[in-house]
Amino acid sequence: MYSQNFGLGAEAIYNFQTRSFGAGLRGEFIKNGISIVPQISYYPSFNKVSEFFAGASLHINILSYGTYMLYAILHGSYNGWINYMSSPMENAKFSNWDLDGGLGIRTSKCIRPFLEFRYNVKWRETNIRLGCVYIFNCKDKGGKSRKKKAVSCPAYKQ
């Protein structure tokens, strides 16, 4: 796997059902339109639900338009629900396994901002993630060096 096919990033997360804010880190291994994305995330104790996640996503490119890419997400993770004892739910426990599905959009540059919408099948929750991934040893100039070479007119050659 080439070094240009690996990136690291960070994200801000909002869970609509629990009205919780979280943060996450991710790696991204890219190969032929498919990415394996190990991730960790944490919802701090100032939220109603405090928890952490460790898992991996499979991102499959669906549609590209210019430098933008739409992708499908399948994500499995271990969930540690830190303050589960304060929950009125009967099945609340510390250790849980979760499965998410969703869609994301990102750019195809070296610095890749992304926006993802996910649905957690187990807890029937939706979350939105906004972040950025940096692709190492990327060859794309990102629009910084688009100067064209000067062309001299043959009539004025000396």
N, C-alpha and C. Protein backbone atom coordinates (compact mmCIF):
# COMPACT_ATOMS: atom_id res chain seq x y z
N MET A 1 0.85 -1.19 0.00
CA MET A 1 0.00 0.00 0.00
C MET A 1 0.90 1.24 0.00
N TYR A 2 0.62 2.16 -0.87
CA TYR A 2 1.43 3.37 -0.97
C TYR A 2 1.14 4.30 0.19
N SER A 3 2.15 5.12 0.56
CA SER A 3 1.98 6.05 1.67
C SER A 3 0.94 7.12 1.36
N GLN A 4 0.68 7.40 0.07
CA GLN A 4 -0.35 8.38 -0.28
C GLN A 4 -1.74 7.84 0.04
N ASN A 5 -1.85 6.58 0.35
CA ASN A 5 -3.13 5.96 0.63
C ASN A 5 -3.42 5.85 2.12
N PHE A 6 -2.78 6.69 2.93
CA PHE A 6 -3.02 6.68 4.37
C PHE A 6 -3.20 8.11 4.87
N GLY A 7 -4.16 8.29 5.75
CA GLY A 7 -4.39 9.61 6.33
C GLY A 7 -4.81 9.52 7.79
N LEU A 8 -4.69 10.65 8.48
CA LEU A 8 -5.14 10.79 9.88
C LEU A 8 -6.05 11.99 9.97
N GLY A 9 -7.04 11.91 10.86
CA GLY A 9 -7.95 13.03 10.99
C GLY A 9 -8.65 13.11 12.33
N ALA A 10 -9.43 14.16 12.48
CA ALA A 10 -10.20 14.42 13.70
C ALA A 10 -11.60 14.86 13.30
N GLU A 11 -12.54 14.73 14.25
CA GLU A 11 -13.93 15.06 13.97
C GLU A 11 -14.65 15.55 15.20
N ALA A 12 -15.68 16.35 14.96
CA ALA A 12 -16.63 16.76 15.99
C ALA A 12 -17.92 16.00 15.69
N ILE A 13 -18.60 15.54 16.74
CA ILE A 13 -19.78 14.69 16.57
C ILE A 13 -20.95 15.27 17.36
N TYR A 14 -22.15 15.15 16.79
CA TYR A 14 -23.37 15.52 17.52
C TYR A 14 -24.37 14.39 17.38
N ASN A 15 -24.87 13.88 18.53
CA ASN A 15 -25.89 12.84 18.56
C ASN A 15 -27.24 13.52 18.80
N PHE A 16 -28.16 13.38 17.85
CA PHE A 16 -29.44 14.08 17.91
C PHE A 16 -30.35 13.57 19.03
N GLN A 17 -30.41 12.26 19.26
CA GLN A 17 -31.32 11.72 20.26
C GLN A 17 -30.90 12.05 21.69
N THR A 18 -29.60 11.95 21.98
CA THR A 18 -29.12 12.24 23.34
C THR A 18 -28.69 13.69 23.51
N ARG A 19 -28.71 14.45 22.41
CA ARG A 19 -28.26 15.84 22.40
C ARG A 19 -26.85 15.97 23.00
N SER A 20 -25.98 15.09 22.56
CA SER A 20 -24.62 15.00 23.09
C SER A 20 -23.59 15.42 22.05
N PHE A 21 -22.53 16.05 22.54
CA PHE A 21 -21.40 16.43 21.70
C PHE A 21 -20.22 15.52 22.00
N GLY A 22 -19.51 15.10 20.96
CA GLY A 22 -18.35 14.26 21.13
C GLY A 22 -17.23 14.66 20.19
N ALA A 23 -16.11 13.98 20.33
CA ALA A 23 -14.95 14.22 19.48
C ALA A 23 -14.35 12.87 19.12
N GLY A 24 -13.70 12.81 17.96
CA GLY A 24 -13.12 11.55 17.54
C GLY A 24 -11.83 11.72 16.76
N LEU A 25 -11.11 10.62 16.65
CA LEU A 25 -9.89 10.53 15.84
C LEU A 25 -10.04 9.34 14.91
N ARG A 26 -9.43 9.43 13.73
CA ARG A 26 -9.52 8.33 12.78
C ARG A 26 -8.27 8.22 11.94
N GLY A 27 -8.01 7.03 11.48
CA GLY A 27 -7.02 6.76 10.45
C GLY A 27 -7.80 6.38 9.21
N GLU A 28 -7.16 6.43 8.05
CA GLU A 28 -7.86 6.03 6.83
C GLU A 28 -6.88 5.34 5.89
N PHE A 29 -7.18 4.08 5.57
CA PHE A 29 -6.40 3.29 4.62
C PHE A 29 -7.22 3.16 3.35
N ILE A 30 -6.73 3.71 2.25
CA ILE A 30 -7.50 3.83 1.01
C ILE A 30 -6.94 2.90 -0.06
N LYS A 31 -7.83 2.16 -0.73
CA LYS A 31 -7.41 1.27 -1.81
C LYS A 31 -8.57 1.05 -2.77
N ASN A 32 -8.42 1.48 -4.02
CA ASN A 32 -9.38 1.21 -5.09
C ASN A 32 -10.82 1.62 -4.74
N GLY A 33 -11.01 2.81 -4.22
CA GLY A 33 -12.35 3.30 -3.95
C GLY A 33 -12.98 2.80 -2.67
N ILE A 34 -12.22 2.03 -1.89
CA ILE A 34 -12.70 1.52 -0.60
C ILE A 34 -11.72 1.95 0.47
N SER A 35 -12.24 2.39 1.61
CA SER A 35 -11.38 2.79 2.72
C SER A 35 -11.73 1.98 3.96
N ILE A 36 -10.70 1.55 4.68
CA ILE A 36 -10.85 0.97 6.02
C ILE A 36 -10.48 2.10 6.97
N VAL A 37 -11.39 2.42 7.90
CA VAL A 37 -11.22 3.61 8.73
C VAL A 37 -11.34 3.25 10.21
N PRO A 38 -10.22 2.93 10.90
CA PRO A 38 -10.28 2.72 12.34
C PRO A 38 -10.59 4.05 13.04
N GLN A 39 -11.44 3.99 14.07
CA GLN A 39 -11.89 5.21 14.73
C GLN A 39 -12.03 5.03 16.23
N ILE A 40 -11.80 6.12 16.96
CA ILE A 40 -12.15 6.19 18.37
C ILE A 40 -12.91 7.50 18.58
N SER A 41 -13.86 7.48 19.50
CA SER A 41 -14.59 8.70 19.80
C SER A 41 -14.99 8.71 21.27
N TYR A 42 -15.27 9.91 21.78
CA TYR A 42 -15.57 10.08 23.20
C TYR A 42 -16.61 11.18 23.37
N TYR A 43 -17.61 10.89 24.18
CA TYR A 43 -18.62 11.87 24.58
C TYR A 43 -18.35 12.18 26.04
N PRO A 44 -17.87 13.39 26.37
CA PRO A 44 -17.47 13.74 27.73
C PRO A 44 -18.64 13.75 28.73
N SER A 45 -18.30 13.85 30.00
CA SER A 45 -19.28 13.74 31.09
C SER A 45 -20.22 14.93 31.20
N PHE A 46 -19.99 16.04 30.51
CA PHE A 46 -20.95 17.14 30.56
C PHE A 46 -22.22 16.81 29.76
N ASN A 47 -22.20 15.73 28.98
CA ASN A 47 -23.38 15.27 28.24
C ASN A 47 -24.27 14.41 29.13
N LYS A 48 -25.52 14.25 28.73
CA LYS A 48 -26.44 13.37 29.44
C LYS A 48 -25.93 11.92 29.37
N VAL A 49 -25.37 11.54 28.23
CA VAL A 49 -24.79 10.21 28.04
C VAL A 49 -23.29 10.39 27.82
N SER A 50 -22.50 9.79 28.71
CA SER A 50 -21.04 9.84 28.58
C SER A 50 -20.57 8.45 28.17
N GLU A 51 -19.83 8.37 27.06
CA GLU A 51 -19.43 7.07 26.52
C GLU A 51 -18.23 7.22 25.59
N PHE A 52 -17.64 6.07 25.25
CA PHE A 52 -16.56 6.06 24.26
C PHE A 52 -16.81 4.91 23.29
N PHE A 53 -16.24 5.04 22.11
CA PHE A 53 -16.37 4.04 21.06
C PHE A 53 -14.98 3.73 20.49
N ALA A 54 -14.76 2.48 20.11
CA ALA A 54 -13.55 2.07 19.40
C ALA A 54 -13.98 1.05 18.35
N GLY A 55 -13.73 1.36 17.08
CA GLY A 55 -14.18 0.46 16.03
C GLY A 55 -13.57 0.79 14.69
N ALA A 56 -14.21 0.30 13.65
CA ALA A 56 -13.73 0.56 12.30
C ALA A 56 -14.90 0.67 11.34
N SER A 57 -14.70 1.50 10.33
CA SER A 57 -15.70 1.69 9.28
C SER A 57 -15.17 1.17 7.96
N LEU A 58 -16.11 0.82 7.10
CA LEU A 58 -15.83 0.53 5.71
C LEU A 58 -16.51 1.63 4.92
N HIS A 59 -15.73 2.40 4.16
CA HIS A 59 -16.27 3.46 3.31
C HIS A 59 -16.16 3.00 1.86
N ILE A 60 -17.28 3.04 1.15
CA ILE A 60 -17.30 2.62 -0.25
C ILE A 60 -17.73 3.80 -1.10
N ASN A 61 -16.84 4.24 -1.99
CA ASN A 61 -17.16 5.37 -2.87
C ASN A 61 -18.34 5.02 -3.77
N ILE A 62 -19.31 5.95 -3.83
CA ILE A 62 -20.51 5.73 -4.63
C ILE A 62 -20.53 6.61 -5.87
N LEU A 63 -20.26 7.90 -5.68
CA LEU A 63 -20.44 8.87 -6.75
C LEU A 63 -19.45 10.00 -6.57
N SER A 64 -18.79 10.41 -7.66
CA SER A 64 -17.89 11.56 -7.58
C SER A 64 -18.40 12.66 -8.49
N TYR A 65 -18.17 13.89 -8.05
CA TYR A 65 -18.53 15.07 -8.83
C TYR A 65 -17.42 16.09 -8.62
N GLY A 66 -16.60 16.31 -9.63
CA GLY A 66 -15.45 17.20 -9.48
C GLY A 66 -14.51 16.63 -8.43
N THR A 67 -14.22 17.40 -7.40
CA THR A 67 -13.33 16.93 -6.33
C THR A 67 -14.12 16.36 -5.14
N TYR A 68 -15.44 16.25 -5.27
CA TYR A 68 -16.27 15.74 -4.17
C TYR A 68 -16.59 14.26 -4.38
N MET A 69 -16.67 13.53 -3.26
CA MET A 69 -16.97 12.11 -3.31
C MET A 69 -18.07 11.79 -2.31
N LEU A 70 -19.11 11.10 -2.77
CA LEU A 70 -20.17 10.59 -1.90
C LEU A 70 -19.83 9.14 -1.60
N TYR A 71 -19.91 8.73 -0.32
CA TYR A 71 -19.56 7.36 0.03
C TYR A 71 -20.55 6.77 1.04
N ALA A 72 -20.70 5.44 0.97
CA ALA A 72 -21.53 4.70 1.91
C ALA A 72 -20.66 4.29 3.09
N ILE A 73 -21.28 4.19 4.28
CA ILE A 73 -20.55 3.86 5.50
C ILE A 73 -21.20 2.65 6.16
N LEU A 74 -20.37 1.68 6.55
CA LEU A 74 -20.77 0.57 7.41
C LEU A 74 -19.77 0.56 8.55
N HIS A 75 -20.24 0.68 9.79
CA HIS A 75 -19.35 0.86 10.94
C HIS A 75 -19.74 -0.07 12.07
N GLY A 76 -18.77 -0.79 12.61
CA GLY A 76 -18.97 -1.61 13.80
C GLY A 76 -18.03 -1.13 14.88
N SER A 77 -18.52 -1.13 16.13
CA SER A 77 -17.66 -0.64 17.21
C SER A 77 -18.03 -1.23 18.57
N TYR A 78 -17.05 -1.22 19.46
CA TYR A 78 -17.27 -1.49 20.87
C TYR A 78 -17.64 -0.17 21.51
N ASN A 79 -18.63 -0.20 22.40
CA ASN A 79 -19.11 1.00 23.08
C ASN A 79 -18.99 0.80 24.58
N GLY A 80 -18.29 1.71 25.25
CA GLY A 80 -18.23 1.73 26.71
C GLY A 80 -19.10 2.87 27.22
N TRP A 81 -20.26 2.52 27.78
CA TRP A 81 -21.21 3.52 28.28
C TRP A 81 -20.84 3.82 29.72
N ILE A 82 -20.18 4.92 29.94
CA ILE A 82 -19.59 5.25 31.23
C ILE A 82 -20.64 5.48 32.31
N ASN A 83 -21.68 6.23 32.03
CA ASN A 83 -22.68 6.54 33.07
C ASN A 83 -23.98 5.76 32.86
N TYR A 84 -23.88 4.49 32.49
CA TYR A 84 -25.06 3.66 32.22
C TYR A 84 -25.94 3.45 33.44
N MET A 85 -25.37 3.52 34.66
CA MET A 85 -26.15 3.26 35.88
C MET A 85 -27.20 4.33 36.13
N SER A 86 -27.02 5.52 35.58
CA SER A 86 -28.01 6.58 35.76
C SER A 86 -29.12 6.53 34.71
N SER A 87 -29.08 5.52 33.83
CA SER A 87 -30.09 5.41 32.78
C SER A 87 -31.34 4.67 33.27
N PRO A 88 -32.52 5.10 32.86
CA PRO A 88 -33.75 4.38 33.22
C PRO A 88 -33.98 3.13 32.35
N MET A 89 -33.14 2.90 31.35
CA MET A 89 -33.30 1.75 30.45
C MET A 89 -33.00 0.44 31.18
N GLU A 90 -33.82 -0.58 30.93
CA GLU A 90 -33.64 -1.89 31.57
C GLU A 90 -32.37 -2.59 31.10
N ASN A 91 -32.06 -2.49 29.84
CA ASN A 91 -30.90 -3.20 29.28
C ASN A 91 -29.62 -2.37 29.28
N ALA A 92 -29.56 -1.31 30.07
CA ALA A 92 -28.35 -0.48 30.12
C ALA A 92 -27.21 -1.26 30.77
N LYS A 93 -26.05 -1.22 30.12
CA LYS A 93 -24.86 -1.87 30.67
C LYS A 93 -23.62 -1.15 30.14
N PHE A 94 -22.48 -1.41 30.75
CA PHE A 94 -21.25 -0.73 30.36
C PHE A 94 -20.79 -1.15 28.97
N SER A 95 -20.70 -2.45 28.72
CA SER A 95 -20.14 -2.96 27.46
C SER A 95 -21.23 -3.23 26.43
N ASN A 96 -21.07 -2.66 25.24
CA ASN A 96 -22.05 -2.82 24.16
C ASN A 96 -21.33 -2.93 22.83
N TRP A 97 -22.00 -3.55 21.85
CA TRP A 97 -21.53 -3.58 20.47
C TRP A 97 -22.52 -2.82 19.62
N ASP A 98 -22.04 -2.01 18.72
CA ASP A 98 -22.90 -1.16 17.91
C ASP A 98 -22.63 -1.36 16.43
N LEU A 99 -23.66 -1.07 15.63
CA LEU A 99 -23.55 -1.12 14.18
C LEU A 99 -24.21 0.13 13.61
N ASP A 100 -23.46 0.88 12.80
CA ASP A 100 -23.96 2.10 12.15
C ASP A 100 -23.94 1.92 10.64
N GLY A 101 -24.85 2.61 9.99
CA GLY A 101 -24.84 2.73 8.55
C GLY A 101 -25.06 4.19 8.20
N GLY A 102 -24.57 4.63 7.06
CA GLY A 102 -24.78 6.04 6.72
C GLY A 102 -24.17 6.44 5.40
N LEU A 103 -24.13 7.75 5.21
CA LEU A 103 -23.55 8.35 4.02
C LEU A 103 -22.60 9.47 4.42
N GLY A 104 -21.59 9.68 3.60
CA GLY A 104 -20.65 10.77 3.83
C GLY A 104 -20.29 11.46 2.53
N ILE A 105 -19.78 12.66 2.67
CA ILE A 105 -19.28 13.41 1.52
C ILE A 105 -17.94 14.01 1.92
N ARG A 106 -16.98 13.97 1.00
CA ARG A 106 -15.64 14.50 1.27
C ARG A 106 -15.05 15.02 -0.03
N THR A 107 -13.91 15.69 0.11
CA THR A 107 -13.17 16.10 -1.08
C THR A 107 -12.12 15.04 -1.38
N SER A 108 -11.46 15.17 -2.52
CA SER A 108 -10.42 14.23 -2.93
C SER A 108 -9.05 14.88 -2.93
N LYS A 109 -8.86 15.91 -2.16
CA LYS A 109 -7.58 16.62 -2.08
C LYS A 109 -6.72 16.01 -0.97
N CYS A 110 -5.58 16.61 -0.70
CA CYS A 110 -4.69 16.14 0.36
C CYS A 110 -5.29 16.39 1.74
N ILE A 111 -5.93 17.53 1.89
CA ILE A 111 -6.67 17.83 3.12
C ILE A 111 -8.14 17.61 2.77
N ARG A 112 -8.77 16.64 3.44
CA ARG A 112 -10.11 16.21 3.06
C ARG A 112 -11.14 16.50 4.15
N PRO A 113 -11.80 17.64 4.07
CA PRO A 113 -12.92 17.86 4.99
C PRO A 113 -14.03 16.86 4.65
N PHE A 114 -14.76 16.43 5.68
CA PHE A 114 -15.84 15.49 5.43
C PHE A 114 -17.04 15.81 6.32
N LEU A 115 -18.20 15.34 5.87
CA LEU A 115 -19.45 15.45 6.61
C LEU A 115 -20.13 14.09 6.49
N GLU A 116 -20.49 13.49 7.64
CA GLU A 116 -21.12 12.17 7.64
C GLU A 116 -22.43 12.20 8.42
N PHE A 117 -23.39 11.43 7.95
CA PHE A 117 -24.65 11.22 8.65
C PHE A 117 -24.76 9.72 8.88
N ARG A 118 -24.95 9.32 10.16
CA ARG A 118 -24.99 7.90 10.50
C ARG A 118 -26.23 7.56 11.32
N TYR A 119 -26.65 6.30 11.19
CA TYR A 119 -27.76 5.78 11.98
C TYR A 119 -27.27 4.55 12.73
N ASN A 120 -27.43 4.55 14.08
CA ASN A 120 -27.03 3.44 14.92
C ASN A 120 -28.22 2.48 15.02
N VAL A 121 -28.06 1.28 14.48
CA VAL A 121 -29.13 0.30 14.41
C VAL A 121 -29.56 -0.17 15.80
N LYS A 122 -28.62 -0.39 16.70
CA LYS A 122 -28.94 -0.92 18.03
C LYS A 122 -29.74 0.08 18.87
N TRP A 123 -29.25 1.32 18.96
CA TRP A 123 -29.88 2.31 19.84
C TRP A 123 -30.86 3.22 19.11
N ARG A 124 -30.99 3.03 17.79
CA ARG A 124 -31.89 3.85 16.96
C ARG A 124 -31.60 5.33 17.14
N GLU A 125 -30.32 5.65 17.01
CA GLU A 125 -29.86 7.04 17.16
C GLU A 125 -29.18 7.50 15.87
N THR A 126 -29.27 8.79 15.61
CA THR A 126 -28.57 9.37 14.47
C THR A 126 -27.51 10.34 14.98
N ASN A 127 -26.42 10.40 14.25
CA ASN A 127 -25.39 11.39 14.58
C ASN A 127 -24.82 11.97 13.30
N ILE A 128 -24.26 13.14 13.45
CA ILE A 128 -23.62 13.83 12.34
C ILE A 128 -22.17 14.10 12.75
N ARG A 129 -21.26 13.93 11.80
CA ARG A 129 -19.83 14.10 12.07
C ARG A 129 -19.24 15.07 11.05
N LEU A 130 -18.50 16.02 11.55
CA LEU A 130 -17.83 17.01 10.71
C LEU A 130 -16.36 16.99 11.08
N GLY A 131 -15.49 16.79 10.10
CA GLY A 131 -14.08 16.69 10.41
C GLY A 131 -13.20 16.88 9.20
N CYS A 132 -11.94 16.48 9.37
CA CYS A 132 -10.95 16.65 8.33
C CYS A 132 -9.91 15.55 8.44
N VAL A 133 -9.50 14.99 7.31
CA VAL A 133 -8.45 13.98 7.25
C VAL A 133 -7.32 14.53 6.39
N TYR A 134 -6.09 14.36 6.86
CA TYR A 134 -4.90 14.74 6.08
C TYR A 134 -4.29 13.48 5.49
N ILE A 135 -4.12 13.45 4.17
CA ILE A 135 -3.52 12.31 3.48
C ILE A 135 -2.01 12.56 3.35
N PHE A 136 -1.21 11.66 3.91
CA PHE A 136 0.24 11.81 3.90
C PHE A 136 0.84 11.59 2.52
N ASN A 137 1.92 12.32 2.23
CA ASN A 137 2.66 12.23 0.97
C ASN A 137 1.76 12.38 -0.25
N CYS A 138 0.77 13.21 -0.12
CA CYS A 138 -0.19 13.45 -1.20
C CYS A 138 0.48 14.27 -2.29
N LYS A 139 0.20 13.93 -3.54
CA LYS A 139 0.81 14.62 -4.68
C LYS A 139 -0.02 15.80 -5.17
N ASP A 140 -1.25 15.93 -4.72
CA ASP A 140 -2.13 17.02 -5.16
C ASP A 140 -1.66 18.34 -4.58
N LYS A 141 -1.58 19.37 -5.40
CA LYS A 141 -1.12 20.68 -4.93
C LYS A 141 -2.25 21.49 -4.31
N GLY A 142 -3.48 21.03 -4.43
CA GLY A 142 -4.60 21.73 -3.82
C GLY A 142 -4.87 23.09 -4.41
N GLY A 143 -4.49 23.31 -5.65
CA GLY A 143 -4.78 24.58 -6.30
C GLY A 143 -3.73 25.65 -6.07
N LYS A 144 -2.66 25.33 -5.35
CA LYS A 144 -1.67 26.36 -5.03
C LYS A 144 -0.70 26.65 -6.17
N SER A 145 -0.44 25.69 -7.03
CA SER A 145 0.54 25.93 -8.09
C SER A 145 -0.09 25.65 -9.46
N ARG A 146 -1.06 26.43 -9.80
CA ARG A 146 -1.73 26.26 -11.09
C ARG A 146 -1.26 27.27 -12.12
N LYS A 147 -0.09 27.83 -11.93
CA LYS A 147 0.44 28.78 -12.91
C LYS A 147 0.80 28.04 -14.18
N LYS A 148 0.44 28.62 -15.29
CA LYS A 148 0.78 28.02 -16.58
C LYS A 148 2.11 28.60 -17.05
N LYS A 149 2.83 27.80 -17.79
CA LYS A 149 4.10 28.27 -18.34
C LYS A 149 3.83 29.39 -19.33
N ALA A 150 4.72 30.35 -19.34
CA ALA A 150 4.59 31.44 -20.31
C ALA A 150 4.91 30.90 -21.70
N VAL A 151 4.08 31.25 -22.64
CA VAL A 151 4.28 30.83 -24.02
C VAL A 151 4.72 32.06 -24.81
N SER A 152 5.85 31.92 -25.50
CA SER A 152 6.32 33.07 -26.29
C SER A 152 5.79 32.95 -27.72
N CYS A 153 5.41 34.07 -28.24
CA CYS A 153 4.87 34.14 -29.61
C CYS A 153 6.04 34.00 -30.59
N PRO A 154 5.93 33.10 -31.57
CA PRO A 154 7.01 32.91 -32.53
C PRO A 154 7.37 34.18 -33.30
N ALA A 155 6.43 35.08 -33.48
CA ALA A 155 6.69 36.32 -34.23
C ALA A 155 7.66 37.22 -33.49
N TYR A 156 7.77 37.09 -32.19
CA TYR A 156 8.64 37.96 -31.41
C TYR A 156 9.91 37.27 -30.95
N LYS A 157 10.18 36.07 -31.43
CA LYS A 157 11.41 35.37 -31.05
C LYS A 157 12.61 36.10 -31.60
N GLN A 158 13.66 36.12 -30.88
CA GLN A 158 14.90 36.78 -31.32
C GLN A 158 15.88 35.80 -31.88
